[in-house]
Protein backbone atom coordinates (compact mmCIF):
# COMPACT_ATOMS: atom_id res chain seq x y z
CA MET A 1 87.07 -32.72 82.85
CA THR A 2 86.62 -32.95 86.99
CA ASN A 3 87.32 -29.54 88.29
CA PRO A 4 90.00 -29.07 90.32
CA PRO A 5 89.34 -29.12 94.89
CA ARG A 6 89.82 -25.26 95.21
CA PRO A 7 92.35 -24.70 98.22
CA THR A 8 90.88 -24.24 101.68
CA HIS A 9 93.89 -21.87 102.47
CA GLY A 10 94.01 -23.28 106.95
CA ILE A 11 89.63 -22.80 105.90
CA ASP A 12 88.11 -24.48 109.52
CA LEU A 13 85.87 -25.89 107.44
CA ALA A 14 83.80 -27.76 110.50
CA ALA A 15 83.95 -24.05 112.20
CA ARG A 16 82.23 -22.46 108.68
CA SER A 17 79.53 -25.07 108.71
CA ARG A 18 78.82 -24.35 112.69
CA ALA A 19 79.18 -20.73 112.09
CA ARG A 20 75.69 -21.23 109.45
CA ARG A 21 74.09 -23.24 111.73
CA ARG A 22 74.66 -19.97 114.33
CA ALA A 23 73.61 -17.34 111.71
CA LEU A 24 70.26 -19.41 110.56
CA GLN A 25 69.28 -19.38 114.47
CA ALA A 26 70.26 -15.74 114.70
CA VAL A 27 68.56 -15.35 111.15
CA TYR A 28 65.53 -17.06 112.24
CA ALA A 29 65.01 -14.39 115.12
CA TRP A 30 65.82 -11.29 113.75
CA GLN A 31 63.00 -12.24 111.38
CA LEU A 32 60.50 -13.44 113.75
CA SER A 33 61.71 -10.66 116.23
CA GLY A 34 62.47 -7.48 114.25
CA ASN A 35 65.10 -6.62 116.57
CA ARG A 36 68.08 -4.84 115.50
CA ILE A 37 70.39 -7.03 114.06
CA ASP A 38 73.44 -6.21 116.39
CA GLY A 39 71.32 -7.22 119.29
CA VAL A 40 70.65 -10.42 117.60
CA ILE A 41 74.51 -11.03 117.18
CA ASP A 42 75.29 -9.88 120.47
CA GLN A 43 72.72 -12.14 122.38
CA PHE A 44 74.67 -14.94 119.52
CA ARG A 45 77.97 -14.06 121.31
CA HIS A 46 76.74 -14.39 124.68
CA GLU A 47 74.62 -17.32 124.63
CA GLN A 48 75.87 -19.94 121.85
CA ASP A 49 79.12 -21.43 121.89
CA MET A 50 80.45 -19.50 119.04
CA GLN A 51 84.35 -20.15 120.02
CA ILE A 52 83.72 -22.95 118.09
CA ALA A 53 82.21 -21.71 115.14
CA ASP A 54 83.65 -19.11 112.88
CA LEU A 55 83.14 -16.16 114.09
CA GLU A 56 83.33 -13.73 111.16
CA TYR A 57 81.93 -16.01 109.13
CA PHE A 58 78.63 -15.79 111.17
CA GLU A 59 78.89 -11.97 111.31
CA ALA A 60 79.79 -12.02 107.69
CA LEU A 61 76.96 -14.16 107.08
CA VAL A 62 73.78 -12.65 109.07
CA ARG A 63 74.96 -8.95 108.42
CA GLY A 64 74.89 -9.95 104.75
CA VAL A 65 71.61 -11.23 105.34
CA GLU A 66 69.89 -7.90 107.12
CA HIS A 67 71.52 -5.93 104.67
CA SER A 68 70.55 -7.41 101.37
CA HIS A 69 67.43 -9.61 101.88
CA ALA A 70 65.22 -7.35 99.60
CA GLU A 71 67.47 -8.24 96.45
CA LEU A 72 67.80 -11.94 97.66
CA ASP A 73 64.47 -12.45 97.96
CA ALA A 74 63.77 -11.00 95.21
CA ALA A 75 65.92 -12.96 93.12
CA MET A 76 64.42 -15.94 94.71
CA ALA A 77 60.75 -15.01 93.61
CA PRO A 78 60.52 -16.21 90.45
CA PHE A 79 62.11 -19.92 92.11
CA LEU A 80 59.72 -19.82 94.59
CA ASP A 81 55.75 -21.63 94.86
CA ARG A 82 54.47 -18.76 96.84
CA GLU A 83 55.44 -14.86 98.82
CA VAL A 84 59.07 -15.41 100.13
CA GLU A 85 57.00 -14.27 103.49
CA ARG A 86 54.66 -17.23 103.32
CA VAL A 87 57.73 -19.65 103.06
CA ASP A 88 58.42 -21.30 106.65
CA PRO A 89 60.65 -19.21 108.74
CA ILE A 90 63.40 -21.34 108.87
CA GLU A 91 63.40 -22.69 104.70
CA ARG A 92 63.34 -18.74 105.16
CA ALA A 93 66.29 -18.01 106.76
CA VAL A 94 67.87 -20.99 105.14
CA LEU A 95 67.46 -19.56 101.77
CA ARG A 96 68.80 -16.35 102.54
CA ILE A 97 71.78 -17.69 103.73
CA ALA A 98 72.43 -19.55 100.74
CA ALA A 99 71.54 -16.97 98.44
CA TYR A 100 74.44 -14.56 99.99
CA GLU A 101 76.82 -17.11 100.07
CA LEU A 102 76.32 -18.02 96.19
CA ARG A 103 75.91 -14.35 95.33
CA GLU A 104 78.76 -13.00 97.65
CA ARG A 105 81.13 -15.37 98.02
CA PRO A 106 82.34 -17.29 94.88
CA ASP A 107 85.11 -19.13 97.20
CA VAL A 108 82.97 -20.86 98.05
CA PRO A 109 81.99 -23.77 95.74
CA TYR A 110 77.76 -23.52 94.80
CA ARG A 111 77.87 -27.37 95.53
CA VAL A 112 79.04 -26.71 99.22
CA VAL A 113 76.35 -24.04 99.43
CA ILE A 114 73.30 -25.65 98.14
CA ASN A 115 74.89 -28.85 100.68
CA GLU A 116 75.02 -27.06 103.58
CA ALA A 117 71.64 -25.59 102.98
CA VAL A 118 70.12 -28.87 102.30
CA GLU A 119 71.71 -30.57 105.83
CA THR A 120 71.36 -27.66 107.43
CA THR A 121 67.63 -27.37 106.64
CA LYS A 122 67.26 -31.46 106.95
CA ARG A 123 68.67 -30.68 111.13
CA PHE A 124 66.04 -27.81 111.40
CA GLY A 125 63.54 -27.64 109.12
CA SER A 126 60.30 -29.39 108.01
CA GLU A 127 59.71 -32.76 107.20
CA HIS A 128 60.51 -32.27 103.30
CA GLY A 129 61.70 -29.01 103.61
CA HIS A 130 64.93 -29.54 102.15
CA THR A 131 63.79 -30.92 98.70
CA TYR A 132 62.24 -27.56 98.14
CA VAL A 133 65.00 -25.79 99.37
CA ASN A 134 67.40 -27.75 97.36
CA GLY A 135 65.20 -27.02 94.20
CA VAL A 136 65.45 -23.36 95.14
CA LEU A 137 69.05 -22.85 95.27
CA ASP A 138 69.68 -25.44 91.97
CA LYS A 139 67.66 -22.89 90.03
CA LEU A 140 69.35 -19.80 91.27
CA ALA A 141 73.11 -21.42 91.32
CA ALA A 142 72.30 -21.67 87.64
CA VAL A 143 71.69 -18.48 87.24
CA TRP A 144 74.24 -16.76 89.97
CA ARG A 145 76.98 -19.13 88.86
CA GLY A 146 76.52 -20.29 85.42
CA ALA A 147 79.67 -21.06 84.84
CA GLU A 148 80.82 -23.24 88.25
CA TYR A 149 77.42 -24.88 87.42
CA GLY A 150 77.84 -25.65 83.64
CA THR A 151 81.32 -27.46 84.62
CA GLY A 152 80.19 -29.43 87.79
CA ARG A 153 77.24 -30.61 85.68
CA SER A 154 79.31 -32.65 83.10
């Protein structure tokens, strides 16, 4: 038995993907610089072509990661093979964004979250970083999205 497709209710999926990529760049910049998140977001609003991205989603992801990164890191820790601060900065940013989506955005299917994270890591991360990201997020999805995860595996 397959799950029926979830309605998108007019959501521009391409704009959401672009928002995730911009969020990765913003979270990466925040992680490395330690600057206030408001400044990072303002910089991206002015420097990036945000008209083609879902700005509201971008901001929700970036602020969500900034606000809850300690809890997200703690939740991911059992599935990491090293301390979170030793994870490649691109992969760490991708993991934090995807973990935030898994935990806070049940309207986004877990498979979409993982696929977007893997594709973003392929584009911006290290050569095999996407396999690491996929493994961590798959385990996290099994915990946080147990019911959905279980039906997706059958």
